[in-house]
C-alpha cells in the first residue's frame, strides 16, 4: 500500500499528494541535460540512476509511484499508465508492428480492440489473422504457415477470458506458438489483455506473456469514476512502449494516477467479494428456467476449458454471461426490469452492471464472428459488484419474472 512513496519528500503527507504540475524545475542546466539524455535514450542509465522529473507528459510522481505498485501484482519489470485501455492497447501494438508485419489475435476480443486490429492496423499495412480459442496448437501453426506470412509474424495478441463469452485461451500454448515462429533476430511478442481477471486472479507473465494490458478503468480503478489503461512487461519492451507513449502523448493525468493509487489499496478486498458474489449469482442463474446457457469460468463447457481454468486462473472471476430464452425482445425486457443492477457498459466496478453485447459493446463485430462466438441477441453480460449477493439474486429473479 505504501510501496514507492516517501512521506519525507512530501511534507510528511501520509498519502501521496496530487502533483498537479506540467513541468519541473531543474537544479542546474547539467541536471536538465542528463535527464533529457535518459528520456530520449541517448545513453544508458548509470548504476542506481533514476529518470529525473522533466515534464508531466514524460513522467510525474503520481504515475511513477502508481506504476511501481502495479508492477508488484504481475511481477513485471516496468509499467506504463495511459489515459484509457485502448490507448494502452493501441500504443503497445504501434510500438512493435511495422508495415508488412503480421499480428495473430484470439477471437473474440473487446469490440474496440477488434475494430482497431481489423480496421486501423491494415491502414498502416499491418496484416491481421485471427484464431479461435478452440483451435489446437497444431491448427494455429498450420493456419499461420498457410497464410504465407509466417516469417512476418511479429505479435500474438490474446484476450483471456474473452469478452463477452468468457472463452479461455491457453497462454502457455500461445507462448509455444510464438516461440515456434521466433528466430534469433526476431522474437514474436506475446501480449495478453488481462482486464477480466487482473491483476489478482491471473498473472500472464508467469505463463509466458511479454506484455500484459489492462483497461485500468475496470477492476484496478473499480469505482466507475475514471478512464485509464496500463501496459506492463520486461524492461526492454517497456522502454519502447514508454518512448511511443511520450510522443503519442497519451499518458494518464496526475489526478487519474492519484485515484488509481487510492483504488489499489482496496483492490484485493473488492475483487475477492466480487468473485464470491459472482459464484452465488452464477449458481442461481444456472438452474433458472429462463436461462438457456451460462458462460462462467466456474462452469467450463468442456475438459479443455476446465484444464485451462485450473492451470492459469486463481479464481472464477466476477463476469457472467448467459443466454436468456428468446431473443433481443426478452433480453431487453430483462435489462429494463432490473432495479438494483445498473444498465451500463464497462465492468469491474463496485456496483453491478448489465448490458447487451450484441447491440452495445460488440455491435461493430463482424456478424459471422458474432454468430461463431455466441454473441447473439439473447446474450446478456453481467459484471458483479460488491453488493449483498442475496439482493443481486433477488433483483435478477424479479427481472426474469417480468420476462
Protein backbone atom coordinates (compact mmCIF):
# COMPACT_ATOMS: atom_id res chain seq x y z
CA UNK A 1 0.00 0.00 0.00
CA UNK A 2 2.88 2.39 0.62
CA UNK A 3 5.41 0.99 -1.89
CA UNK A 4 7.44 3.63 -3.70
CA UNK A 5 6.29 6.63 -1.67
CA UNK A 6 8.48 8.59 0.76
CA UNK A 7 6.42 10.90 3.04
CA UNK A 8 9.50 12.92 3.95
CA UNK A 9 9.65 14.19 0.34
CA UNK A 10 6.07 15.49 0.56
CA UNK A 11 5.86 17.39 3.85
CA UNK A 12 5.15 14.15 5.74
CA UNK A 13 1.77 13.58 4.00
CA UNK A 14 0.56 10.03 4.78
CA UNK A 15 -0.80 9.72 1.24
CA UNK A 16 0.96 10.75 -1.94
CA UNK A 17 -0.27 14.24 -2.93
CA UNK A 18 -1.56 15.07 -6.41
CA UNK A 19 1.37 16.59 -8.27
CA UNK A 20 -0.77 18.85 -10.45
CA UNK A 21 2.04 20.42 -12.42
CA UNK A 22 3.04 20.46 -16.07
CA UNK A 23 6.78 20.97 -15.62
CA UNK A 24 9.54 20.51 -13.04
CA UNK A 25 12.45 22.77 -12.06
CA UNK A 26 16.00 21.51 -12.64
CA UNK A 27 18.68 22.18 -10.03
CA UNK A 28 21.14 23.02 -12.80
CA UNK A 29 21.50 23.06 -16.59
CA UNK A 30 23.75 19.99 -16.30
CA UNK A 31 20.98 18.11 -14.48
CA UNK A 32 18.46 19.06 -17.18
CA UNK A 33 20.81 17.77 -19.87
CA UNK A 34 21.31 14.48 -18.01
CA UNK A 35 17.57 13.98 -17.56
CA UNK A 36 16.84 14.56 -21.26
CA UNK A 37 19.64 12.23 -22.35
CA UNK A 38 17.93 9.41 -20.47
CA UNK A 39 14.43 10.38 -21.56
CA UNK A 40 15.41 10.29 -25.24
CA UNK A 41 17.50 7.14 -24.92
CA UNK A 42 20.77 8.83 -25.84
CA UNK A 43 22.69 6.98 -23.13
CA UNK A 44 22.26 4.14 -20.65
CA UNK A 45 21.41 4.84 -17.03
CA UNK A 46 24.27 4.77 -14.58
CA UNK A 47 24.03 2.33 -11.70
CA UNK A 48 21.26 3.42 -9.28
CA UNK A 49 20.41 6.40 -11.51
CA UNK A 50 16.72 7.17 -11.97
CA UNK A 51 14.96 9.14 -14.69
CA UNK A 52 14.58 12.64 -13.32
CA UNK A 53 11.34 14.62 -13.40
CA UNK A 54 11.09 16.72 -16.56
CA UNK A 55 7.55 17.26 -17.80
CA UNK A 56 4.29 15.51 -16.91
CA UNK A 57 3.88 14.10 -20.43
CA UNK A 58 7.09 12.16 -19.78
CA UNK A 59 6.88 11.43 -16.06
CA UNK A 60 5.13 12.56 -12.90
CA UNK A 61 5.48 11.37 -9.27
CA UNK A 62 1.87 10.13 -9.11
CA UNK A 63 2.33 7.98 -12.19
CA UNK A 64 5.78 6.72 -11.26
CA UNK A 65 4.63 5.54 -7.82
CA UNK A 66 1.48 4.01 -9.31
CA UNK A 67 3.46 2.18 -11.97
CA UNK A 68 5.86 0.80 -9.37
CA UNK A 69 2.92 -0.54 -7.35
CA UNK A 70 1.22 -2.10 -10.35
CA UNK A 71 4.44 -3.97 -11.15
CA UNK A 72 4.18 -5.81 -7.82
CA UNK A 73 0.93 -7.59 -8.78
CA UNK A 74 2.19 -9.00 -12.09
CA UNK A 75 5.86 -9.23 -11.08
CA UNK A 76 6.76 -7.08 -14.08
CA UNK A 77 9.93 -5.04 -14.58
CA UNK A 78 8.13 -1.86 -15.59
CA UNK A 79 4.71 -0.37 -16.24
CA UNK A 80 3.22 2.45 -18.29
CA UNK A 81 -0.15 4.00 -17.40
CA UNK A 82 -2.34 5.55 -20.10
CA UNK A 83 -5.46 7.70 -20.40
CA UNK A 84 -7.52 4.65 -21.45
CA UNK A 85 -7.31 0.92 -22.01
CA UNK A 86 -7.49 1.46 -25.77
CA UNK A 87 -4.57 3.91 -25.51
CA UNK A 88 -2.52 1.18 -23.83
CA UNK A 89 -3.51 -1.43 -26.43
CA UNK A 90 -3.02 0.76 -29.49
CA UNK A 91 0.31 2.15 -28.24
CA UNK A 92 1.65 -1.34 -27.47
CA UNK A 93 0.74 -2.51 -30.96
CA UNK A 94 2.11 0.56 -32.73
CA UNK A 95 5.34 0.28 -30.73
CA UNK A 96 6.25 -3.06 -32.27
CA UNK A 97 4.32 -3.52 -35.53
CA UNK A 98 5.83 -2.22 -38.77
CA UNK A 99 4.33 -2.16 -42.27
CA UNK A 100 4.34 -5.71 -43.66
CA UNK A 101 4.23 -7.36 -40.21
CA UNK A 102 1.54 -9.84 -39.17
CA UNK A 103 -0.43 -9.82 -35.93
CA UNK A 104 -2.16 -13.03 -34.84
CA UNK A 105 -5.00 -12.50 -32.37
CA UNK A 106 -7.54 -14.51 -30.42
CA UNK A 107 -11.24 -14.25 -31.27
CA UNK A 108 -13.40 -12.74 -29.83
CA UNK A 109 -11.89 -9.63 -28.26
CA UNK A 110 -13.39 -6.44 -26.89
CA UNK A 111 -15.21 -4.52 -29.63
CA UNK A 112 -12.83 -1.56 -29.56
CA UNK A 113 -9.79 -3.83 -29.85
CA UNK A 114 -11.46 -5.78 -32.65
CA UNK A 115 -12.08 -2.56 -34.60
CA UNK A 116 -8.51 -1.29 -34.09
CA UNK A 117 -6.97 -4.57 -35.26
CA UNK A 118 -9.26 -5.18 -38.23
CA UNK A 119 -9.83 -1.63 -39.47
CA UNK A 120 -6.99 0.60 -38.24
CA UNK A 121 -3.85 -1.57 -38.37
CA UNK A 122 -4.42 -2.51 -42.06
CA UNK A 123 -4.27 1.23 -42.88
CA UNK A 124 -0.65 1.03 -41.67
CA UNK A 125 -0.10 -2.02 -43.90
CA UNK A 126 -0.13 -4.45 -40.97
CA UNK A 127 -1.69 -7.83 -41.83
CA UNK A 128 -4.08 -9.41 -39.34
CA UNK A 129 -5.05 -13.02 -38.74
CA UNK A 130 -7.48 -14.39 -36.15
CA UNK A 131 -7.58 -17.75 -34.39
CA UNK A 132 -10.22 -19.31 -32.17
CA UNK A 133 -9.72 -20.40 -28.53
CA UNK A 134 -10.91 -23.87 -29.58
CA UNK A 135 -8.07 -24.24 -32.11
CA UNK A 136 -5.20 -26.53 -31.21
CA UNK A 137 -1.54 -25.52 -31.27
CA UNK A 138 -1.02 -27.51 -34.46
CA UNK A 139 -4.06 -25.98 -36.16
CA UNK A 140 -2.90 -22.44 -35.37
CA UNK A 141 0.63 -23.13 -36.65
CA UNK A 142 -0.75 -24.60 -39.89
CA UNK A 143 -3.06 -21.60 -40.34
CA UNK A 144 -0.16 -19.14 -39.96
CA UNK A 145 2.00 -21.13 -42.37
CA UNK A 146 -0.85 -21.34 -44.88
CA UNK A 147 -1.22 -17.54 -44.79
CA UNK A 148 2.18 -17.16 -46.45
CA UNK A 149 3.09 -14.61 -43.77
CA UNK A 150 4.73 -16.88 -41.20
CA UNK A 151 8.07 -15.09 -41.49
CA UNK A 152 6.31 -11.76 -40.88
CA UNK A 153 4.58 -12.75 -37.64
CA UNK A 154 5.59 -10.11 -35.09
CA UNK A 155 2.95 -10.23 -32.35
CA UNK A 156 0.40 -12.59 -30.84
CA UNK A 157 -2.42 -10.82 -29.01
CA UNK A 158 -4.71 -12.60 -26.55
CA UNK A 159 -7.72 -11.61 -24.54
CA UNK A 160 -8.42 -14.29 -21.98
CA UNK A 161 -11.06 -14.79 -20.73
CA UNK A 162 -12.65 -13.38 -23.86
CA UNK A 163 -15.19 -10.58 -23.73
CA UNK A 164 -18.12 -11.35 -23.58
CA UNK A 165 -18.30 -15.16 -23.66
CA UNK A 166 -15.62 -15.98 -21.04
CA UNK A 167 -13.82 -18.28 -23.51
CA UNK A 168 -10.32 -19.07 -22.23
CA UNK A 169 -7.14 -19.22 -24.28
CA UNK A 170 -4.12 -21.17 -23.06
CA UNK A 171 -1.37 -18.56 -22.54
CA UNK A 172 1.36 -21.20 -22.25
CA UNK A 173 0.31 -22.79 -25.55
CA UNK A 174 0.44 -19.39 -27.24
CA UNK A 175 3.95 -18.85 -25.88
CA UNK A 176 4.96 -22.11 -27.58
CA UNK A 177 3.41 -20.93 -30.85
CA UNK A 178 5.18 -17.57 -30.59
CA UNK A 179 8.48 -19.35 -29.92
CA UNK A 180 7.87 -21.64 -32.91
CA UNK A 181 7.87 -18.62 -35.22
CA UNK A 182 10.63 -16.71 -33.41
CA UNK A 183 14.18 -16.54 -34.70
CA UNK A 184 17.48 -15.34 -33.29
CA UNK A 185 16.88 -11.98 -34.97
CA UNK A 186 13.19 -11.64 -34.09
CA UNK A 187 11.21 -12.71 -31.04
CA UNK A 188 7.46 -12.92 -31.61
CA UNK A 189 5.94 -10.79 -28.84
CA UNK A 190 3.08 -12.30 -26.82
CA UNK A 191 0.68 -9.66 -25.46
CA UNK A 192 -2.26 -10.50 -23.20
CA UNK A 193 -5.26 -8.37 -22.23
CA UNK A 194 -5.83 -9.35 -18.59
CA UNK A 195 -8.67 -6.92 -17.85
CA UNK A 196 -11.24 -9.58 -16.99
CA UNK A 197 -9.01 -11.27 -14.40
CA UNK A 198 -6.34 -8.92 -13.29
CA UNK A 199 -4.26 -8.17 -11.64
CA UNK A 200 -5.38 -10.50 -8.82
CA UNK A 201 -6.90 -13.59 -10.46
CA UNK A 202 -4.46 -14.29 -13.33
CA UNK A 203 -0.80 -13.48 -13.98
CA UNK A 204 0.04 -13.86 -17.71
CA UNK A 205 3.76 -13.10 -17.36
CA UNK A 206 4.14 -16.28 -15.29
CA UNK A 207 2.74 -18.23 -18.24
CA UNK A 208 4.97 -16.68 -20.89
CA UNK A 209 3.42 -13.34 -21.87
CA UNK A 210 5.80 -10.49 -22.72
CA UNK A 211 3.25 -7.71 -22.26
CA UNK A 212 0.17 -7.52 -20.00
CA UNK A 213 -2.52 -4.98 -20.81
CA UNK A 214 -5.39 -3.58 -18.78
CA UNK A 215 -8.29 -1.28 -19.03
CA UNK A 216 -7.48 0.13 -15.59
CA UNK A 217 -10.94 1.69 -15.68
CA UNK A 218 -12.22 -1.71 -14.63
CA UNK A 219 -11.08 -3.63 -11.51
CA UNK A 220 -7.93 -1.58 -10.92
CA UNK A 221 -9.94 1.67 -10.79
CA UNK A 222 -13.06 -0.13 -9.69
CA UNK A 223 -15.31 2.84 -8.87
CA UNK A 224 -16.69 3.95 -12.29
CA UNK A 225 -15.10 7.37 -11.84
CA UNK A 226 -12.06 7.32 -14.13
CA UNK A 227 -10.77 6.14 -17.51
CA UNK A 228 -7.27 4.63 -17.64
CA UNK A 229 -5.15 1.84 -19.09
CA UNK A 230 -1.89 0.10 -18.29
CA UNK A 231 0.79 -1.94 -20.02
CA UNK A 232 3.37 -4.00 -18.11
CA UNK A 233 6.30 -6.17 -19.11
CA UNK A 234 10.04 -6.62 -19.21
CA UNK A 235 12.30 -3.57 -19.11
CA UNK A 236 13.47 -3.81 -22.73
CA UNK A 237 9.94 -3.92 -24.16
CA UNK A 238 8.57 -1.29 -21.81
CA UNK A 239 11.32 1.18 -22.77
CA UNK A 240 9.90 1.19 -26.30
CA UNK A 241 6.29 1.41 -25.10
CA UNK A 242 7.16 4.39 -22.90
CA UNK A 243 9.04 6.03 -25.79
CA UNK A 244 5.94 5.80 -28.00
CA UNK A 245 3.73 6.96 -25.14
CA UNK A 246 5.88 10.09 -24.78
CA UNK A 247 5.46 11.04 -28.43
CA UNK A 248 1.83 9.96 -28.83
CA UNK A 249 1.13 11.97 -25.67
CA UNK A 250 -1.46 9.61 -24.17
CA UNK A 251 -0.19 9.15 -20.63
CA UNK A 252 -2.61 9.45 -17.71
CA UNK A 253 -3.00 12.73 -15.84
CA UNK A 254 -1.74 13.15 -12.23
CA UNK A 255 -5.25 13.15 -10.78
CA UNK A 256 -6.02 9.84 -12.56
CA UNK A 257 -2.83 8.37 -11.13
CA UNK A 258 -3.78 9.54 -7.65
CA UNK A 259 -7.27 7.98 -7.94
CA UNK A 260 -5.77 4.68 -9.11
CA UNK A 261 -3.39 4.63 -6.14
CA UNK A 262 -6.42 5.07 -3.88
CA UNK A 263 -8.16 2.17 -5.61
CA UNK A 264 -5.18 -0.19 -5.38
CA UNK A 265 -5.42 -0.15 -1.60
CA UNK A 266 -8.79 -1.96 -1.70
CA UNK A 267 -8.19 -3.97 -4.91
CA UNK A 268 -7.96 -7.45 -3.42
CA UNK A 269 -10.74 -6.84 -0.89
CA UNK A 270 -13.09 -5.69 -3.65
CA UNK A 271 -12.18 -8.43 -6.11
CA UNK A 272 -12.49 -11.20 -3.51
CA UNK A 273 -16.00 -10.02 -2.63
CA UNK A 274 -16.97 -9.69 -6.29
CA UNK A 275 -15.80 -13.24 -7.01
CA UNK A 276 -17.73 -14.58 -4.01
CA UNK A 277 -20.88 -12.77 -5.12
CA UNK A 278 -20.50 -13.96 -8.71
CA UNK A 279 -20.26 -17.58 -7.61
CA UNK A 280 -23.64 -17.32 -5.84
CA UNK A 281 -25.28 -15.43 -8.72
CA UNK A 282 -24.00 -17.95 -11.27
CA UNK A 283 -25.36 -20.84 -9.23
CA UNK A 284 -28.78 -19.16 -9.22
CA UNK A 285 -28.74 -18.49 -12.97
CA UNK A 286 -27.51 -21.97 -13.87
CA UNK A 287 -30.72 -23.58 -12.66
CA UNK A 288 -33.22 -20.86 -13.63
CA UNK A 289 -35.84 -21.98 -16.17
CA UNK A 290 -35.46 -18.76 -18.21
CA UNK A 291 -31.71 -19.27 -18.66
CA UNK A 292 -30.71 -21.34 -21.67
CA UNK A 293 -26.92 -21.35 -21.18
CA UNK A 294 -24.44 -19.74 -18.80
CA UNK A 295 -20.89 -18.61 -19.59
CA UNK A 296 -18.91 -18.57 -16.35
CA UNK A 297 -15.44 -19.92 -15.51
CA UNK A 298 -16.90 -21.91 -12.64
CA UNK A 299 -18.90 -23.96 -15.17
CA UNK A 300 -16.43 -24.70 -18.01
CA UNK A 301 -18.13 -26.14 -21.07
CA UNK A 302 -15.54 -28.87 -21.75
CA UNK A 303 -12.47 -30.59 -20.32
CA UNK A 304 -10.07 -28.34 -22.24
CA UNK A 305 -11.57 -25.18 -20.76
CA UNK A 306 -11.58 -26.80 -17.31
CA UNK A 307 -7.86 -27.62 -17.64
CA UNK A 308 -7.04 -24.01 -18.58
CA UNK A 309 -9.01 -22.68 -15.60
CA UNK A 310 -7.05 -24.94 -13.28
CA UNK A 311 -3.74 -24.09 -14.94
CA UNK A 312 -3.79 -20.29 -15.15
CA UNK A 313 -6.71 -18.85 -13.16
CA UNK A 314 -6.71 -18.21 -9.41
CA UNK A 315 -10.46 -17.51 -9.32
CA UNK A 316 -13.59 -17.91 -11.43
CA UNK A 317 -13.80 -14.13 -11.67
CA UNK A 318 -16.85 -11.89 -11.44
CA UNK A 319 -18.05 -11.78 -15.06
CA UNK A 320 -21.10 -13.81 -16.03
CA UNK A 321 -22.81 -14.00 -19.40
CA UNK A 322 -25.93 -16.01 -20.13
CA UNK A 323 -28.37 -16.78 -22.93
CA UNK A 324 -31.91 -15.88 -21.98
CA UNK A 325 -34.64 -17.99 -23.55
CA UNK A 326 -35.93 -15.99 -26.50
CA UNK A 327 -34.04 -13.20 -28.24
CA UNK A 328 -33.50 -9.44 -28.20
CA UNK A 329 -37.05 -8.72 -27.02
CA UNK A 330 -36.68 -10.96 -23.96
CA UNK A 331 -33.13 -9.75 -23.24
CA UNK A 332 -34.27 -6.12 -23.35
CA UNK A 333 -37.27 -6.85 -21.14
CA UNK A 334 -34.92 -8.41 -18.58
CA UNK A 335 -32.47 -5.50 -18.75
CA UNK A 336 -35.24 -2.92 -18.49
CA UNK A 337 -36.66 -4.77 -15.49
CA UNK A 338 -33.54 -4.57 -13.33
CA UNK A 339 -33.71 -2.17 -10.38
CA UNK A 340 -30.54 -2.65 -8.31
CA UNK A 341 -28.21 -3.72 -11.12
CA UNK A 342 -27.48 -0.78 -13.43
CA UNK A 343 -27.89 -0.96 -17.22
CA UNK A 344 -24.49 0.28 -18.39
CA UNK A 345 -21.38 -0.87 -20.23
CA UNK A 346 -17.97 -1.26 -18.57
CA UNK A 347 -17.22 -3.77 -15.82
CA UNK A 348 -15.25 -4.47 -12.66
CA UNK A 349 -16.72 -1.69 -10.54
CA UNK A 350 -18.19 -1.76 -7.04
CA UNK A 351 -21.71 -1.62 -8.46
CA UNK A 352 -23.13 -4.47 -10.55
CA UNK A 353 -23.73 -3.71 -14.22
CA UNK A 354 -25.66 -5.40 -17.03
CA UNK A 355 -25.51 -4.90 -20.79
CA UNK A 356 -26.45 -6.43 -24.17
CA UNK A 357 -23.18 -7.13 -26.04
CA UNK A 358 -24.68 -7.73 -29.49
CA UNK A 359 -26.18 -4.23 -29.65
CA UNK A 360 -23.77 -2.41 -27.35
CA UNK A 361 -20.09 -3.25 -26.69
CA UNK A 362 -19.78 -5.67 -29.64
CA UNK A 363 -22.15 -4.01 -32.12
CA UNK A 364 -19.30 -3.43 -34.60
CA UNK A 365 -18.05 -7.04 -34.59
CA UNK A 366 -18.46 -8.92 -37.88
CA UNK A 367 -21.87 -10.68 -37.97
CA UNK A 368 -20.28 -14.03 -38.79
CA UNK A 369 -17.94 -13.72 -35.81
CA UNK A 370 -20.88 -12.81 -33.58
CA UNK A 371 -22.63 -15.97 -34.70
CA UNK A 372 -19.49 -18.10 -34.28
CA UNK A 373 -18.87 -16.91 -30.72
CA UNK A 374 -22.46 -16.89 -29.46
CA UNK A 375 -22.69 -13.09 -29.28
CA UNK A 376 -26.36 -13.39 -30.08
CA UNK A 377 -29.46 -11.33 -29.44
CA UNK A 378 -30.23 -13.48 -26.40
CA UNK A 379 -26.83 -12.95 -24.72
CA UNK A 380 -26.73 -10.79 -21.57
CA UNK A 381 -23.49 -9.84 -19.78
CA UNK A 382 -23.29 -9.17 -16.05
CA UNK A 383 -20.44 -7.59 -14.11
CA UNK A 384 -20.93 -8.47 -10.46
CA UNK A 385 -20.14 -5.86 -7.82
CA UNK A 386 -19.78 -5.79 -4.05
CA UNK A 387 -23.46 -5.55 -3.07
CA UNK A 388 -25.08 -8.26 -0.95
CA UNK A 389 -25.39 -11.25 -3.27
CA UNK A 390 -28.86 -12.04 -1.97
CA UNK A 391 -30.00 -8.59 -3.10
CA UNK A 392 -28.45 -9.18 -6.53
CA UNK A 393 -30.19 -12.54 -6.88
CA UNK A 394 -33.50 -11.00 -5.81
CA UNK A 395 -33.14 -8.29 -8.46
CA UNK A 396 -32.25 -10.77 -11.20
CA UNK A 397 -35.11 -13.02 -10.14
CA UNK A 398 -37.76 -10.27 -10.33
CA UNK A 399 -36.44 -9.09 -13.72
CA UNK A 400 -36.57 -12.64 -15.11
CA UNK A 401 -40.12 -12.96 -13.78
CA UNK A 402 -41.08 -9.96 -15.94
CA UNK A 403 -39.84 -11.82 -18.99
